[in-house]
C-alpha atoms as a PDB file:
ATOM      1  CA  UNK A   1       2.026 -28.387 -37.785  1.00  0.00           C
ATOM      2  CA  UNK A   2       0.139 -27.002 -34.763  1.00  0.00           C
ATOM      3  CA  UNK A   3      -1.052 -30.522 -33.911  1.00  0.00           C
ATOM      4  CA  UNK A   4       2.538 -31.750 -33.729  1.00  0.00           C
ATOM      5  CA  UNK A   5       3.502 -28.992 -31.262  1.00  0.00           C
ATOM      6  CA  UNK A   6       0.482 -29.722 -29.083  1.00  0.00           C
ATOM      7  CA  UNK A   7       1.274 -33.452 -29.083  1.00  0.00           C
ATOM      8  CA  UNK A   8       4.883 -32.723 -28.049  1.00  0.00           C
ATOM      9  CA  UNK A   9       3.702 -30.561 -25.128  1.00  0.00           C
ATOM     10  CA  UNK A  10       1.256 -33.251 -23.980  1.00  0.00           C
ATOM     11  CA  UNK A  11       3.959 -35.938 -24.177  1.00  0.00           C
ATOM     12  CA  UNK A  12       6.372 -33.793 -22.115  1.00  0.00           C
ATOM     13  CA  UNK A  13       3.694 -33.105 -19.483  1.00  0.00           C
ATOM     14  CA  UNK A  14       2.723 -36.778 -19.300  1.00  0.00           C
ATOM     15  CA  UNK A  15       6.378 -37.827 -18.962  1.00  0.00           C
ATOM     16  CA  UNK A  16       6.865 -35.412 -16.032  1.00  0.00           C
ATOM     17  CA  UNK A  17       3.670 -36.652 -14.354  1.00  0.00           C
ATOM     18  CA  UNK A  18       4.689 -40.297 -14.874  1.00  0.00           C
ATOM     19  CA  UNK A  19       8.029 -39.618 -13.172  1.00  0.00           C
ATOM     20  CA  UNK A  20       6.234 -38.081 -10.155  1.00  0.00           C
ATOM     21  CA  UNK A  21       7.620 -34.595 -10.712  1.00  0.00           C
ATOM     22  CA  UNK A  22       5.301 -31.837  -9.609  1.00  0.00           C
ATOM     23  CA  UNK A  23       5.480 -28.884 -11.926  1.00  0.00           C
ATOM     24  CA  UNK A  24       5.107 -25.456 -10.290  1.00  0.00           C
ATOM     25  CA  UNK A  25       5.824 -21.876 -11.180  1.00  0.00           C
ATOM     26  CA  UNK A  26       7.862 -21.373  -7.969  1.00  0.00           C
ATOM     27  CA  UNK A  27      10.144 -24.205  -6.866  1.00  0.00           C
ATOM     28  CA  UNK A  28      11.601 -24.980  -3.456  1.00  0.00           C
ATOM     29  CA  UNK A  29      10.090 -24.474  -0.026  1.00  0.00           C
ATOM     30  CA  UNK A  30       7.956 -21.381   0.259  1.00  0.00           C
ATOM     31  CA  UNK A  31       6.793 -20.316   3.709  1.00  0.00           C
ATOM     32  CA  UNK A  32       3.637 -18.256   3.746  1.00  0.00           C
ATOM     33  CA  UNK A  33       2.085 -15.891   6.229  1.00  0.00           C
ATOM     34  CA  UNK A  34      -0.228 -12.966   6.198  1.00  0.00           C
ATOM     35  CA  UNK A  35      -0.959  -9.778   8.061  1.00  0.00           C
ATOM     36  CA  UNK A  36      -3.398  -6.941   8.465  1.00  0.00           C
ATOM     37  CA  UNK A  37      -2.464  -3.564   9.905  1.00  0.00           C
ATOM     38  CA  UNK A  38      -4.310  -0.412  10.901  1.00  0.00           C
ATOM     39  CA  UNK A  39      -2.138   2.609  10.032  1.00  0.00           C
ATOM     40  CA  UNK A  40      -2.208   6.258  11.135  1.00  0.00           C
ATOM     41  CA  UNK A  41      -0.317   8.730   8.935  1.00  0.00           C
ATOM     42  CA  UNK A  42       0.601  12.306   9.844  1.00  0.00           C
ATOM     43  CA  UNK A  43       1.138  14.530   6.812  1.00  0.00           C
ATOM     44  CA  UNK A  44       0.153  17.788   5.125  1.00  0.00           C
ATOM     45  CA  UNK A  45      -2.642  18.505   2.679  1.00  0.00           C
ATOM     46  CA  UNK A  46      -2.744  21.998   1.191  1.00  0.00           C
ATOM     47  CA  UNK A  47      -0.069  23.101   3.713  1.00  0.00           C
ATOM     48  CA  UNK A  48      -2.261  22.089   6.683  1.00  0.00           C
ATOM     49  CA  UNK A  49      -1.432  19.377   9.223  1.00  0.00           C
ATOM     50  CA  UNK A  50      -3.487  16.313   8.321  1.00  0.00           C
ATOM     51  CA  UNK A  51      -4.204  12.824   9.580  1.00  0.00           C
ATOM     52  CA  UNK A  52      -4.789   9.922   7.200  1.00  0.00           C
ATOM     53  CA  UNK A  53      -6.417   6.765   8.600  1.00  0.00           C
ATOM     54  CA  UNK A  54      -6.376   3.431   6.860  1.00  0.00           C
ATOM     55  CA  UNK A  55      -4.851   0.039   6.685  1.00  0.00           C
ATOM     56  CA  UNK A  56      -2.897  -2.468   4.730  1.00  0.00           C
ATOM     57  CA  UNK A  57      -2.731  -6.219   4.444  1.00  0.00           C
ATOM     58  CA  UNK A  58      -1.243  -8.957   2.394  1.00  0.00           C
ATOM     59  CA  UNK A  59       0.549 -12.230   1.853  1.00  0.00           C
ATOM     60  CA  UNK A  60       4.008 -12.604   3.412  1.00  0.00           C
ATOM     61  CA  UNK A  61       6.406 -14.800   1.442  1.00  0.00           C
ATOM     62  CA  UNK A  62       9.396 -16.425   3.190  1.00  0.00           C
ATOM     63  CA  UNK A  63       9.298 -13.842   6.037  1.00  0.00           C
ATOM     64  CA  UNK A  64      10.834 -11.361   3.576  1.00  0.00           C
ATOM     65  CA  UNK A  65       8.360 -10.026   1.016  1.00  0.00           C
ATOM     66  CA  UNK A  66       4.791  -8.800   1.317  1.00  0.00           C
ATOM     67  CA  UNK A  67       2.381  -8.290  -1.534  1.00  0.00           C
ATOM     68  CA  UNK A  68      -1.083  -6.949  -0.842  1.00  0.00           C
ATOM     69  CA  UNK A  69      -3.100  -3.788  -0.765  1.00  0.00           C
ATOM     70  CA  UNK A  70      -3.629  -0.680   1.273  1.00  0.00           C
ATOM     71  CA  UNK A  71      -6.018   2.225   1.490  1.00  0.00           C
ATOM     72  CA  UNK A  72      -6.196   5.541   3.340  1.00  0.00           C
ATOM     73  CA  UNK A  73      -8.587   8.427   3.821  1.00  0.00           C
ATOM     74  CA  UNK A  74      -8.271  11.990   5.096  1.00  0.00           C
ATOM     75  CA  UNK A  75      -9.628  12.155   8.659  1.00  0.00           C
ATOM     76  CA  UNK A  76      -9.524  15.861   9.502  1.00  0.00           C
ATOM     77  CA  UNK A  77     -11.048  19.050   8.127  1.00  0.00           C
ATOM     78  CA  UNK A  78      -9.166  21.175   5.616  1.00  0.00           C
ATOM     79  CA  UNK A  79     -10.420  24.725   5.065  1.00  0.00           C
ATOM     80  CA  UNK A  80      -9.878  26.115   1.550  1.00  0.00           C
ATOM     81  CA  UNK A  81     -12.138  29.151   1.557  1.00  0.00           C
ATOM     82  CA  UNK A  82     -11.683  30.569   5.072  1.00  0.00           C
ATOM     83  CA  UNK A  83     -15.309  30.001   6.083  1.00  0.00           C
ATOM     84  CA  UNK A  84     -14.926  27.821   9.186  1.00  0.00           C
ATOM     85  CA  UNK A  85     -16.017  25.202  10.173  1.00  0.00           C
ATOM     86  CA  UNK A  86     -16.045  23.257   6.936  1.00  0.00           C
ATOM     87  CA  UNK A  87     -14.652  20.066   5.489  1.00  0.00           C
ATOM     88  CA  UNK A  88     -13.585  21.420   2.126  1.00  0.00           C
ATOM     89  CA  UNK A  89     -11.342  18.539   1.015  1.00  0.00           C
ATOM     90  CA  UNK A  90     -12.191  14.856   0.801  1.00  0.00           C
ATOM     91  CA  UNK A  91      -9.310  12.638  -0.232  1.00  0.00           C
ATOM     92  CA  UNK A  92      -8.878   8.885  -0.279  1.00  0.00           C
ATOM     93  CA  UNK A  93      -6.581   6.493  -2.109  1.00  0.00           C
ATOM     94  CA  UNK A  94      -5.489   2.884  -2.276  1.00  0.00           C
ATOM     95  CA  UNK A  95      -3.644   0.384  -4.363  1.00  0.00           C
ATOM     96  CA  UNK A  96      -1.048  -2.348  -4.628  1.00  0.00           C
ATOM     97  CA  UNK A  97       1.227  -2.460  -1.579  1.00  0.00           C
ATOM     98  CA  UNK A  98       4.604  -4.234  -1.647  1.00  0.00           C
ATOM     99  CA  UNK A  99       7.164  -4.457   1.138  1.00  0.00           C
ATOM    100  CA  UNK A 100      10.660  -5.829   1.743  1.00  0.00           C
ATOM    101  CA  UNK A 101      11.114  -7.058   5.332  1.00  0.00           C
ATOM    102  CA  UNK A 102      14.697  -7.253   6.598  1.00  0.00           C
ATOM    103  CA  UNK A 103      15.452  -9.790   9.399  1.00  0.00           C
ATOM    104  CA  UNK A 104      11.802 -10.387  10.275  1.00  0.00           C
ATOM    105  CA  UNK A 105      12.637 -12.545  13.305  1.00  0.00           C
ATOM    106  CA  UNK A 106      14.886  -9.916  14.938  1.00  0.00           C
ATOM    107  CA  UNK A 107      13.361  -8.002  17.864  1.00  0.00           C
ATOM    108  CA  UNK A 108      13.879  -4.736  15.974  1.00  0.00           C
ATOM    109  CA  UNK A 109      14.073  -4.719  12.177  1.00  0.00           C
ATOM    110  CA  UNK A 110      13.307  -2.460   9.244  1.00  0.00           C
ATOM    111  CA  UNK A 111      11.039  -2.621   6.219  1.00  0.00           C
ATOM    112  CA  UNK A 112      10.881  -0.718   2.934  1.00  0.00           C
ATOM    113  CA  UNK A 113       7.530  -0.396   1.201  1.00  0.00           C
ATOM    114  CA  UNK A 114       5.790   1.125  -1.791  1.00  0.00           C
ATOM    115  CA  UNK A 115       2.166   1.680  -2.728  1.00  0.00           C
ATOM    116  CA  UNK A 116       1.026   2.427  -6.263  1.00  0.00           C
ATOM    117  CA  UNK A 117      -2.596   3.147  -7.022  1.00  0.00           C
ATOM    118  CA  UNK A 118      -5.209   5.791  -7.378  1.00  0.00           C
ATOM    119  CA  UNK A 119      -7.763   7.735  -5.479  1.00  0.00           C
ATOM    120  CA  UNK A 120     -10.427  10.356  -5.455  1.00  0.00           C
ATOM    121  CA  UNK A 121     -10.262  14.016  -4.544  1.00  0.00           C
ATOM    122  CA  UNK A 122     -13.252  16.295  -3.951  1.00  0.00           C
ATOM    123  CA  UNK A 123     -13.140  19.973  -3.017  1.00  0.00           C
ATOM    124  CA  UNK A 124     -15.794  22.464  -2.030  1.00  0.00           C
ATOM    125  CA  UNK A 125     -15.012  26.153  -2.376  1.00  0.00           C
ATOM    126  CA  UNK A 126     -17.830  28.654  -1.780  1.00  0.00           C
ATOM    127  CA  UNK A 127     -20.421  25.944  -2.338  1.00  0.00           C
ATOM    128  CA  UNK A 128     -18.973  24.676  -5.632  1.00  0.00           C
ATOM    129  CA  UNK A 129     -17.863  21.026  -5.716  1.00  0.00           C
ATOM    130  CA  UNK A 130     -15.130  19.629  -7.950  1.00  0.00           C
ATOM    131  CA  UNK A 131     -14.118  15.962  -8.066  1.00  0.00           C
ATOM    132  CA  UNK A 132     -11.552  13.943  -9.955  1.00  0.00           C
ATOM    133  CA  UNK A 133      -9.471  10.785  -9.947  1.00  0.00           C
ATOM    134  CA  UNK A 134      -5.769  11.041  -9.107  1.00  0.00           C
ATOM    135  CA  UNK A 135      -2.697   8.804  -9.352  1.00  0.00           C
ATOM    136  CA  UNK A 136      -0.800   8.105  -6.096  1.00  0.00           C
ATOM    137  CA  UNK A 137       2.680   6.671  -5.516  1.00  0.00           C
ATOM    138  CA  UNK A 138       4.075   6.284  -2.002  1.00  0.00           C
ATOM    139  CA  UNK A 139       7.457   5.103  -0.832  1.00  0.00           C
ATOM    140  CA  UNK A 140       8.603   4.703   2.737  1.00  0.00           C
ATOM    141  CA  UNK A 141      10.518   2.833   5.415  1.00  0.00           C
ATOM    142  CA  UNK A 142       9.588   1.581   8.887  1.00  0.00           C
ATOM    143  CA  UNK A 143      11.388   0.536  12.041  1.00  0.00           C
ATOM    144  CA  UNK A 144       9.445  -2.432  13.472  1.00  0.00           C
ATOM    145  CA  UNK A 145       9.331  -3.963  16.968  1.00  0.00           C
ATOM    146  CA  UNK A 146       8.245  -7.591  17.464  1.00  0.00           C
ATOM    147  CA  UNK A 147       5.918  -7.316  20.492  1.00  0.00           C
ATOM    148  CA  UNK A 148       4.525 -10.877  20.357  1.00  0.00           C
ATOM    149  CA  UNK A 149       4.736 -13.629  17.712  1.00  0.00           C
ATOM    150  CA  UNK A 150       1.462 -12.288  16.241  1.00  0.00           C
ATOM    151  CA  UNK A 151       1.772  -8.520  16.830  1.00  0.00           C
ATOM    152  CA  UNK A 152       4.312  -5.992  15.589  1.00  0.00           C
ATOM    153  CA  UNK A 153       4.294  -2.226  15.763  1.00  0.00           C
ATOM    154  CA  UNK A 154       6.334   0.290  13.902  1.00  0.00           C
ATOM    155  CA  UNK A 155       7.167   3.884  13.290  1.00  0.00           C
ATOM    156  CA  UNK A 156       8.176   5.135   9.886  1.00  0.00           C
ATOM    157  CA  UNK A 157       7.930   7.735   7.222  1.00  0.00           C
ATOM    158  CA  UNK A 158       8.050   8.383   3.542  1.00  0.00           C
ATOM    159  CA  UNK A 159       6.694  10.539   0.759  1.00  0.00           C
ATOM    160  CA  UNK A 160       3.347  10.592  -1.084  1.00  0.00           C
ATOM    161  CA  UNK A 161       3.366  11.754  -4.719  1.00  0.00           C
ATOM    162  CA  UNK A 162      -0.030  12.700  -6.129  1.00  0.00           C
ATOM    163  CA  UNK A 163      -0.439  13.588  -9.803  1.00  0.00           C
ATOM    164  CA  UNK A 164      -3.275  14.534 -12.145  1.00  0.00           C
ATOM    165  CA  UNK A 165      -4.731  17.152  -9.773  1.00  0.00           C
ATOM    166  CA  UNK A 166      -6.538  19.645 -12.003  1.00  0.00           C
ATOM    167  CA  UNK A 167      -8.872  21.322  -9.518  1.00  0.00           C
ATOM    168  CA  UNK A 168      -8.843  25.117  -9.282  1.00  0.00           C
ATOM    169  CA  UNK A 169      -8.336  25.183  -5.492  1.00  0.00           C
ATOM    170  CA  UNK A 170      -5.541  22.568  -5.339  1.00  0.00           C
ATOM    171  CA  UNK A 171      -2.491  21.377  -7.242  1.00  0.00           C
ATOM    172  CA  UNK A 172      -0.487  18.146  -7.261  1.00  0.00           C
ATOM    173  CA  UNK A 173       2.064  19.901  -5.023  1.00  0.00           C
ATOM    174  CA  UNK A 174      -0.677  20.629  -2.453  1.00  0.00           C
ATOM    175  CA  UNK A 175      -1.514  16.922  -2.224  1.00  0.00           C
ATOM    176  CA  UNK A 176       2.061  15.558  -2.344  1.00  0.00           C
ATOM    177  CA  UNK A 177       3.927  15.598   0.966  1.00  0.00           C
ATOM    178  CA  UNK A 178       6.156  13.695   3.379  1.00  0.00           C
ATOM    179  CA  UNK A 179       4.408  11.617   6.044  1.00  0.00           C
ATOM    180  CA  UNK A 180       5.114   9.927   9.347  1.00  0.00           C
ATOM    181  CA  UNK A 181       3.305   6.686  10.172  1.00  0.00           C
ATOM    182  CA  UNK A 182       2.366   4.450  13.085  1.00  0.00           C
ATOM    183  CA  UNK A 183       1.666   0.856  12.021  1.00  0.00           C
ATOM    184  CA  UNK A 184       0.136  -1.974  14.081  1.00  0.00           C
ATOM    185  CA  UNK A 185       0.618  -5.338  12.324  1.00  0.00           C
ATOM    186  CA  UNK A 186      -1.363  -8.430  13.317  1.00  0.00           C
ATOM    187  CA  UNK A 187      -0.807 -11.796  11.670  1.00  0.00           C
ATOM    188  CA  UNK A 188       1.441 -14.757  10.981  1.00  0.00           C
ATOM    189  CA  UNK A 189       4.824 -13.395  10.067  1.00  0.00           C
END
């Protein structure tokens, strides 16, 4: 019985190939592009002003959707134990980055994006280190300006949710916060 099913599939595939029909998962014309972007985020970590540096990049489909990845790391010092100067928090995260791009060819347009992934968090309080993995979900929107055909810059904001923080000095609420972002996109849009 399995042989009959396999034969039927092979006959159907051969018939399509004989008729010159290309079989693809996605049909119709698909325009592709790509981009890479350094990003600076302004946020809070443990109720202190913080700067996150990183970047994102990906494949742009039909000037409308982006699928790729992004990653960010804490760039400034956070003091948890009051003994200055110290870098008591190390935090970095990354993951799958998706974006909807509205009216990409307009001089000014907006995008809506989301990042889902994970990261690492390390704290040092009075010489004792604690580390763990965390889950991160970010959602945001950007207002973009087309500077040249290959360069776009934007300003935006959103919210970063961080869960699974089980360190004595910090909680998930300490790591979750709104953010503002400056984005500099380079690529074929």
